[in-house]
Amino acid sequence: MTKEEHIEYWVKTAEHDLLTAQSLFDTGHYDWCLFIGHLILEKILKAHFVNDNDDIPPKIHDLVRLAEKTKLNLTDEQLTFFEKANYFVIASRYPDEKLKFYKICTQNYAENNFTTIKELYLWLKTKLK
């Protein structure tokens, strides 16, 4: 695959995940919406990794570590949100955390975080051009 094809792959799969996350939100599956939301950010950051490093992205899921491997100039607020979003994956995978996460994933909590995910995704996507 060419560099452009790799970038397109990560962007297209992130777009697909965005539709999935929206569907999960619309049906009240807020915890899974945020889980997929993390994947959206991970994939768009991997597109940036390819763009900035001319290499295949590492097989890591930590959004902060991925962001640090790009040339993006992110704010402390954005990096703090990436840290928060890292929890969405951990909380959805491990049974002892899952119940706690499910309880805090109210519609309002999910809506606020999913809105931020969508905003960050769109901003990151524009930075690829």
N, C-alpha and C. Protein backbone atom coordinates (compact mmCIF):
# COMPACT_ATOMS: atom_id res chain seq x y z
N MET A 1 0.84 -1.19 0.00
CA MET A 1 0.00 0.00 0.00
C MET A 1 0.88 1.25 0.00
N THR A 2 0.42 2.24 -0.69
CA THR A 2 1.13 3.52 -0.68
C THR A 2 0.81 4.25 0.62
N LYS A 3 1.57 5.28 0.88
CA LYS A 3 1.33 6.12 2.05
C LYS A 3 -0.10 6.66 2.02
N GLU A 4 -0.51 7.15 0.87
CA GLU A 4 -1.86 7.72 0.72
C GLU A 4 -2.94 6.68 0.96
N GLU A 5 -2.71 5.46 0.48
CA GLU A 5 -3.67 4.37 0.71
C GLU A 5 -3.77 4.01 2.19
N HIS A 6 -2.65 4.05 2.88
CA HIS A 6 -2.67 3.77 4.32
C HIS A 6 -3.47 4.84 5.06
N ILE A 7 -3.21 6.07 4.72
CA ILE A 7 -3.94 7.18 5.36
C ILE A 7 -5.43 7.04 5.07
N GLU A 8 -5.77 6.78 3.82
CA GLU A 8 -7.17 6.62 3.44
C GLU A 8 -7.82 5.46 4.20
N TYR A 9 -7.08 4.37 4.38
CA TYR A 9 -7.60 3.23 5.13
C TYR A 9 -7.99 3.64 6.55
N TRP A 10 -7.08 4.34 7.24
CA TRP A 10 -7.36 4.74 8.62
C TRP A 10 -8.51 5.73 8.69
N VAL A 11 -8.58 6.65 7.74
CA VAL A 11 -9.67 7.64 7.74
C VAL A 11 -11.00 6.97 7.45
N LYS A 12 -11.04 6.12 6.45
CA LYS A 12 -12.30 5.44 6.10
C LYS A 12 -12.81 4.54 7.22
N THR A 13 -11.91 3.82 7.87
CA THR A 13 -12.37 2.95 8.96
C THR A 13 -12.81 3.79 10.16
N ALA A 14 -12.19 4.93 10.38
CA ALA A 14 -12.65 5.84 11.44
C ALA A 14 -14.04 6.38 11.12
N GLU A 15 -14.27 6.72 9.85
CA GLU A 15 -15.59 7.21 9.44
C GLU A 15 -16.66 6.14 9.64
N HIS A 16 -16.32 4.91 9.32
CA HIS A 16 -17.25 3.80 9.53
C HIS A 16 -17.56 3.65 11.03
N ASP A 17 -16.52 3.74 11.85
CA ASP A 17 -16.72 3.63 13.29
C ASP A 17 -17.55 4.80 13.84
N LEU A 18 -17.41 5.95 13.23
CA LEU A 18 -18.22 7.10 13.65
C LEU A 18 -19.71 6.82 13.46
N LEU A 19 -20.06 6.22 12.34
CA LEU A 19 -21.46 5.85 12.10
C LEU A 19 -21.92 4.81 13.10
N THR A 20 -21.06 3.85 13.41
CA THR A 20 -21.39 2.81 14.38
C THR A 20 -21.59 3.42 15.76
N ALA A 21 -20.69 4.29 16.17
CA ALA A 21 -20.80 4.93 17.48
C ALA A 21 -22.08 5.75 17.58
N GLN A 22 -22.42 6.45 16.51
CA GLN A 22 -23.66 7.25 16.51
C GLN A 22 -24.87 6.34 16.68
N SER A 23 -24.87 5.23 15.99
CA SER A 23 -25.96 4.27 16.11
C SER A 23 -26.07 3.72 17.54
N LEU A 24 -24.94 3.42 18.14
CA LEU A 24 -24.92 2.94 19.52
C LEU A 24 -25.44 4.02 20.48
N PHE A 25 -25.04 5.25 20.24
CA PHE A 25 -25.54 6.34 21.09
C PHE A 25 -27.06 6.46 20.93
N ASP A 26 -27.53 6.45 19.69
CA ASP A 26 -28.96 6.62 19.41
C ASP A 26 -29.82 5.53 20.04
N THR A 27 -29.24 4.35 20.24
CA THR A 27 -29.99 3.24 20.83
C THR A 27 -29.72 3.06 22.32
N GLY A 28 -29.00 4.02 22.91
CA GLY A 28 -28.79 4.00 24.35
C GLY A 28 -27.66 3.12 24.85
N HIS A 29 -26.80 2.67 23.95
CA HIS A 29 -25.65 1.85 24.35
C HIS A 29 -24.44 2.78 24.54
N TYR A 30 -24.53 3.59 25.58
CA TYR A 30 -23.58 4.67 25.77
C TYR A 30 -22.16 4.20 26.06
N ASP A 31 -22.03 3.12 26.83
CA ASP A 31 -20.69 2.62 27.12
C ASP A 31 -20.00 2.14 25.85
N TRP A 32 -20.72 1.44 24.99
CA TRP A 32 -20.13 0.95 23.74
C TRP A 32 -19.91 2.08 22.74
N CYS A 33 -20.76 3.10 22.80
CA CYS A 33 -20.56 4.28 21.96
C CYS A 33 -19.20 4.90 22.27
N LEU A 34 -18.88 5.03 23.54
CA LEU A 34 -17.60 5.64 23.92
C LEU A 34 -16.43 4.71 23.64
N PHE A 35 -16.64 3.41 23.76
CA PHE A 35 -15.60 2.45 23.39
C PHE A 35 -15.22 2.64 21.92
N ILE A 36 -16.24 2.69 21.06
CA ILE A 36 -16.00 2.90 19.63
C ILE A 36 -15.44 4.30 19.39
N GLY A 37 -15.87 5.25 20.20
CA GLY A 37 -15.34 6.62 20.09
C GLY A 37 -13.83 6.65 20.27
N HIS A 38 -13.34 5.85 21.19
CA HIS A 38 -11.89 5.74 21.37
C HIS A 38 -11.24 5.23 20.08
N LEU A 39 -11.86 4.22 19.47
CA LEU A 39 -11.31 3.67 18.22
C LEU A 39 -11.26 4.72 17.11
N ILE A 40 -12.27 5.57 17.07
CA ILE A 40 -12.30 6.64 16.07
C ILE A 40 -11.06 7.52 16.22
N LEU A 41 -10.80 7.95 17.45
CA LEU A 41 -9.63 8.80 17.69
C LEU A 41 -8.33 8.05 17.43
N GLU A 42 -8.29 6.79 17.82
CA GLU A 42 -7.09 5.99 17.58
C GLU A 42 -6.78 5.90 16.09
N LYS A 43 -7.80 5.67 15.29
CA LYS A 43 -7.59 5.50 13.85
C LYS A 43 -7.18 6.79 13.17
N ILE A 44 -7.78 7.91 13.58
CA ILE A 44 -7.39 9.17 12.94
C ILE A 44 -5.98 9.57 13.37
N LEU A 45 -5.61 9.23 14.60
CA LEU A 45 -4.22 9.47 15.03
C LEU A 45 -3.26 8.56 14.27
N LYS A 46 -3.66 7.35 13.98
CA LYS A 46 -2.81 6.45 13.19
C LYS A 46 -2.65 6.97 11.76
N ALA A 47 -3.68 7.60 11.22
CA ALA A 47 -3.54 8.25 9.91
C ALA A 47 -2.48 9.35 9.98
N HIS A 48 -2.49 10.11 11.06
CA HIS A 48 -1.48 11.15 11.25
C HIS A 48 -0.09 10.54 11.42
N PHE A 49 -0.02 9.44 12.14
CA PHE A 49 1.27 8.78 12.30
C PHE A 49 1.85 8.42 10.93
N VAL A 50 1.05 7.81 10.08
CA VAL A 50 1.50 7.43 8.74
C VAL A 50 1.92 8.69 7.98
N ASN A 51 1.11 9.71 8.05
CA ASN A 51 1.39 10.95 7.34
C ASN A 51 2.72 11.58 7.79
N ASP A 52 2.95 11.56 9.09
CA ASP A 52 4.11 12.25 9.64
C ASP A 52 5.39 11.42 9.68
N ASN A 53 5.26 10.10 9.65
CA ASN A 53 6.42 9.24 9.82
C ASN A 53 6.74 8.33 8.62
N ASP A 54 5.87 8.35 7.61
CA ASP A 54 6.06 7.47 6.46
C ASP A 54 6.31 6.02 6.88
N ASP A 55 5.53 5.58 7.84
CA ASP A 55 5.71 4.23 8.38
C ASP A 55 4.36 3.70 8.84
N ILE A 56 4.30 2.41 9.06
CA ILE A 56 3.09 1.77 9.59
C ILE A 56 2.99 2.14 11.07
N PRO A 57 1.80 2.50 11.55
CA PRO A 57 1.68 2.88 12.95
C PRO A 57 1.93 1.72 13.90
N PRO A 58 2.39 2.04 15.09
CA PRO A 58 2.62 0.98 16.07
C PRO A 58 1.30 0.36 16.53
N LYS A 59 1.36 -0.86 16.96
CA LYS A 59 0.16 -1.56 17.43
C LYS A 59 -0.07 -1.23 18.90
N ILE A 60 -0.37 0.04 19.12
CA ILE A 60 -0.69 0.51 20.47
C ILE A 60 -2.05 1.20 20.42
N HIS A 61 -2.65 1.32 21.59
CA HIS A 61 -4.00 1.90 21.65
C HIS A 61 -4.05 3.14 22.52
N ASP A 62 -2.94 3.48 23.13
CA ASP A 62 -2.86 4.65 24.01
C ASP A 62 -2.87 5.91 23.14
N LEU A 63 -3.93 6.69 23.26
CA LEU A 63 -4.08 7.87 22.41
C LEU A 63 -3.00 8.90 22.66
N VAL A 64 -2.59 9.07 23.90
CA VAL A 64 -1.55 10.05 24.22
C VAL A 64 -0.23 9.63 23.58
N ARG A 65 0.13 8.37 23.72
CA ARG A 65 1.37 7.87 23.10
C ARG A 65 1.33 8.00 21.58
N LEU A 66 0.18 7.68 20.99
CA LEU A 66 0.06 7.84 19.53
C LEU A 66 0.23 9.30 19.12
N ALA A 67 -0.44 10.17 19.84
CA ALA A 67 -0.37 11.61 19.52
C ALA A 67 1.07 12.12 19.63
N GLU A 68 1.78 11.65 20.62
CA GLU A 68 3.18 12.07 20.81
C GLU A 68 4.08 11.62 19.67
N LYS A 69 3.66 10.62 18.92
CA LYS A 69 4.46 10.10 17.81
C LYS A 69 4.10 10.79 16.48
N THR A 70 3.27 11.82 16.56
CA THR A 70 2.93 12.60 15.37
C THR A 70 3.55 13.99 15.49
N LYS A 71 3.33 14.80 14.47
CA LYS A 71 3.82 16.18 14.50
C LYS A 71 2.71 17.16 14.86
N LEU A 72 1.61 16.63 15.38
CA LEU A 72 0.49 17.49 15.77
C LEU A 72 0.88 18.38 16.94
N ASN A 73 0.40 19.60 16.91
CA ASN A 73 0.57 20.51 18.04
C ASN A 73 -0.74 20.51 18.81
N LEU A 74 -0.82 19.63 19.79
CA LEU A 74 -2.04 19.47 20.56
C LEU A 74 -1.98 20.29 21.83
N THR A 75 -3.14 20.72 22.28
CA THR A 75 -3.23 21.48 23.52
C THR A 75 -3.21 20.51 24.70
N ASP A 76 -2.94 21.06 25.86
CA ASP A 76 -3.02 20.24 27.08
C ASP A 76 -4.42 19.70 27.27
N GLU A 77 -5.41 20.49 26.91
CA GLU A 77 -6.81 20.07 27.03
C GLU A 77 -7.09 18.86 26.13
N GLN A 78 -6.58 18.87 24.91
CA GLN A 78 -6.78 17.75 24.00
C GLN A 78 -6.08 16.50 24.53
N LEU A 79 -4.86 16.65 25.01
CA LEU A 79 -4.13 15.50 25.55
C LEU A 79 -4.81 14.94 26.80
N THR A 80 -5.36 15.82 27.60
CA THR A 80 -6.10 15.38 28.79
C THR A 80 -7.33 14.59 28.38
N PHE A 81 -8.00 15.03 27.32
CA PHE A 81 -9.16 14.27 26.86
C PHE A 81 -8.73 12.91 26.31
N PHE A 82 -7.61 12.85 25.61
CA PHE A 82 -7.11 11.56 25.12
C PHE A 82 -6.86 10.62 26.29
N GLU A 83 -6.31 11.14 27.37
CA GLU A 83 -6.11 10.32 28.57
C GLU A 83 -7.43 9.78 29.08
N LYS A 84 -8.42 10.65 29.14
CA LYS A 84 -9.75 10.26 29.59
C LYS A 84 -10.33 9.19 28.67
N ALA A 85 -10.20 9.40 27.37
CA ALA A 85 -10.76 8.46 26.39
C ALA A 85 -10.05 7.10 26.46
N ASN A 86 -8.80 7.07 26.89
CA ASN A 86 -8.12 5.79 27.07
C ASN A 86 -8.88 4.92 28.06
N TYR A 87 -9.49 5.54 29.04
CA TYR A 87 -10.26 4.78 30.04
C TYR A 87 -11.47 4.10 29.41
N PHE A 88 -12.06 4.70 28.37
CA PHE A 88 -13.24 4.11 27.74
C PHE A 88 -12.97 2.69 27.23
N VAL A 89 -11.76 2.45 26.78
CA VAL A 89 -11.40 1.13 26.26
C VAL A 89 -11.15 0.17 27.41
N ILE A 90 -10.42 0.62 28.40
CA ILE A 90 -10.13 -0.24 29.56
C ILE A 90 -11.42 -0.61 30.27
N ALA A 91 -12.27 0.39 30.50
CA ALA A 91 -13.51 0.17 31.24
C ALA A 91 -14.46 -0.77 30.50
N SER A 92 -14.40 -0.78 29.20
CA SER A 92 -15.29 -1.63 28.41
C SER A 92 -14.77 -3.06 28.27
N ARG A 93 -13.51 -3.28 28.55
CA ARG A 93 -12.91 -4.59 28.35
C ARG A 93 -12.84 -5.45 29.61
N TYR A 94 -12.70 -4.83 30.75
CA TYR A 94 -12.42 -5.59 31.96
C TYR A 94 -13.64 -5.60 32.88
N PRO A 95 -14.09 -6.79 33.26
CA PRO A 95 -15.33 -6.94 34.02
C PRO A 95 -15.40 -6.09 35.29
N ASP A 96 -14.31 -5.99 36.03
CA ASP A 96 -14.35 -5.22 37.27
C ASP A 96 -14.55 -3.73 37.02
N GLU A 97 -14.10 -3.24 35.89
CA GLU A 97 -14.28 -1.83 35.53
C GLU A 97 -15.58 -1.60 34.76
N LYS A 98 -16.04 -2.62 34.08
CA LYS A 98 -17.18 -2.49 33.18
C LYS A 98 -18.44 -2.02 33.90
N LEU A 99 -18.74 -2.60 35.04
CA LEU A 99 -19.94 -2.22 35.77
C LEU A 99 -19.85 -0.78 36.26
N LYS A 100 -18.68 -0.38 36.76
CA LYS A 100 -18.49 1.01 37.19
C LYS A 100 -18.69 1.97 36.01
N PHE A 101 -18.10 1.61 34.88
CA PHE A 101 -18.21 2.46 33.69
C PHE A 101 -19.65 2.54 33.21
N TYR A 102 -20.32 1.42 33.19
CA TYR A 102 -21.72 1.38 32.76
C TYR A 102 -22.57 2.33 33.61
N LYS A 103 -22.29 2.36 34.90
CA LYS A 103 -23.07 3.21 35.80
C LYS A 103 -22.82 4.70 35.57
N ILE A 104 -21.60 5.06 35.18
CA ILE A 104 -21.34 6.49 34.95
C ILE A 104 -21.71 6.92 33.53
N CYS A 105 -21.96 5.96 32.67
CA CYS A 105 -22.28 6.27 31.27
C CYS A 105 -23.75 6.64 31.10
N THR A 106 -24.13 7.73 31.69
CA THR A 106 -25.48 8.24 31.48
C THR A 106 -25.55 8.86 30.08
N GLN A 107 -26.73 9.18 29.67
CA GLN A 107 -26.89 9.83 28.37
C GLN A 107 -26.10 11.14 28.33
N ASN A 108 -26.18 11.91 29.39
CA ASN A 108 -25.48 13.20 29.43
C ASN A 108 -23.97 13.02 29.38
N TYR A 109 -23.44 12.07 30.16
CA TYR A 109 -22.01 11.79 30.17
C TYR A 109 -21.54 11.37 28.78
N ALA A 110 -22.28 10.44 28.19
CA ALA A 110 -21.91 9.95 26.86
C ALA A 110 -22.02 11.07 25.81
N GLU A 111 -23.08 11.84 25.90
CA GLU A 111 -23.27 12.91 24.92
C GLU A 111 -22.13 13.93 24.98
N ASN A 112 -21.75 14.33 26.18
CA ASN A 112 -20.66 15.30 26.32
C ASN A 112 -19.35 14.75 25.75
N ASN A 113 -19.05 13.50 26.09
CA ASN A 113 -17.80 12.91 25.62
C ASN A 113 -17.84 12.57 24.14
N PHE A 114 -18.97 12.09 23.66
CA PHE A 114 -19.08 11.76 22.23
C PHE A 114 -19.01 13.02 21.38
N THR A 115 -19.58 14.10 21.87
CA THR A 115 -19.47 15.38 21.17
C THR A 115 -18.01 15.79 21.04
N THR A 116 -17.26 15.65 22.12
CA THR A 116 -15.83 15.99 22.08
C THR A 116 -15.09 15.07 21.12
N ILE A 117 -15.41 13.79 21.13
CA ILE A 117 -14.79 12.84 20.21
C ILE A 117 -15.03 13.27 18.76
N LYS A 118 -16.28 13.60 18.44
CA LYS A 118 -16.61 14.00 17.07
C LYS A 118 -15.88 15.29 16.69
N GLU A 119 -15.82 16.24 17.61
CA GLU A 119 -15.13 17.50 17.31
C GLU A 119 -13.64 17.26 17.08
N LEU A 120 -13.03 16.46 17.95
CA LEU A 120 -11.61 16.15 17.78
C LEU A 120 -11.35 15.40 16.48
N TYR A 121 -12.21 14.44 16.18
CA TYR A 121 -12.06 13.68 14.94
C TYR A 121 -12.09 14.62 13.73
N LEU A 122 -13.09 15.49 13.68
CA LEU A 122 -13.21 16.40 12.53
C LEU A 122 -12.02 17.35 12.45
N TRP A 123 -11.57 17.84 13.58
CA TRP A 123 -10.41 18.72 13.60
C TRP A 123 -9.16 17.98 13.12
N LEU A 124 -8.95 16.77 13.64
CA LEU A 124 -7.81 15.97 13.23
C LEU A 124 -7.85 15.63 11.75
N LYS A 125 -9.05 15.36 11.26
CA LYS A 125 -9.20 15.04 9.84
C LYS A 125 -8.81 16.24 8.96
N THR A 126 -9.18 17.44 9.38
CA THR A 126 -8.83 18.62 8.58
C THR A 126 -7.32 18.86 8.58
N LYS A 127 -6.64 18.43 9.64
CA LYS A 127 -5.20 18.62 9.74
C LYS A 127 -4.42 17.68 8.81
N LEU A 128 -5.10 16.70 8.23
CA LEU A 128 -4.43 15.79 7.30
C LEU A 128 -4.23 16.41 5.92
N LYS A 129 -4.94 17.45 5.60
CA LYS A 129 -4.88 18.04 4.27
C LYS A 129 -3.69 18.92 4.08
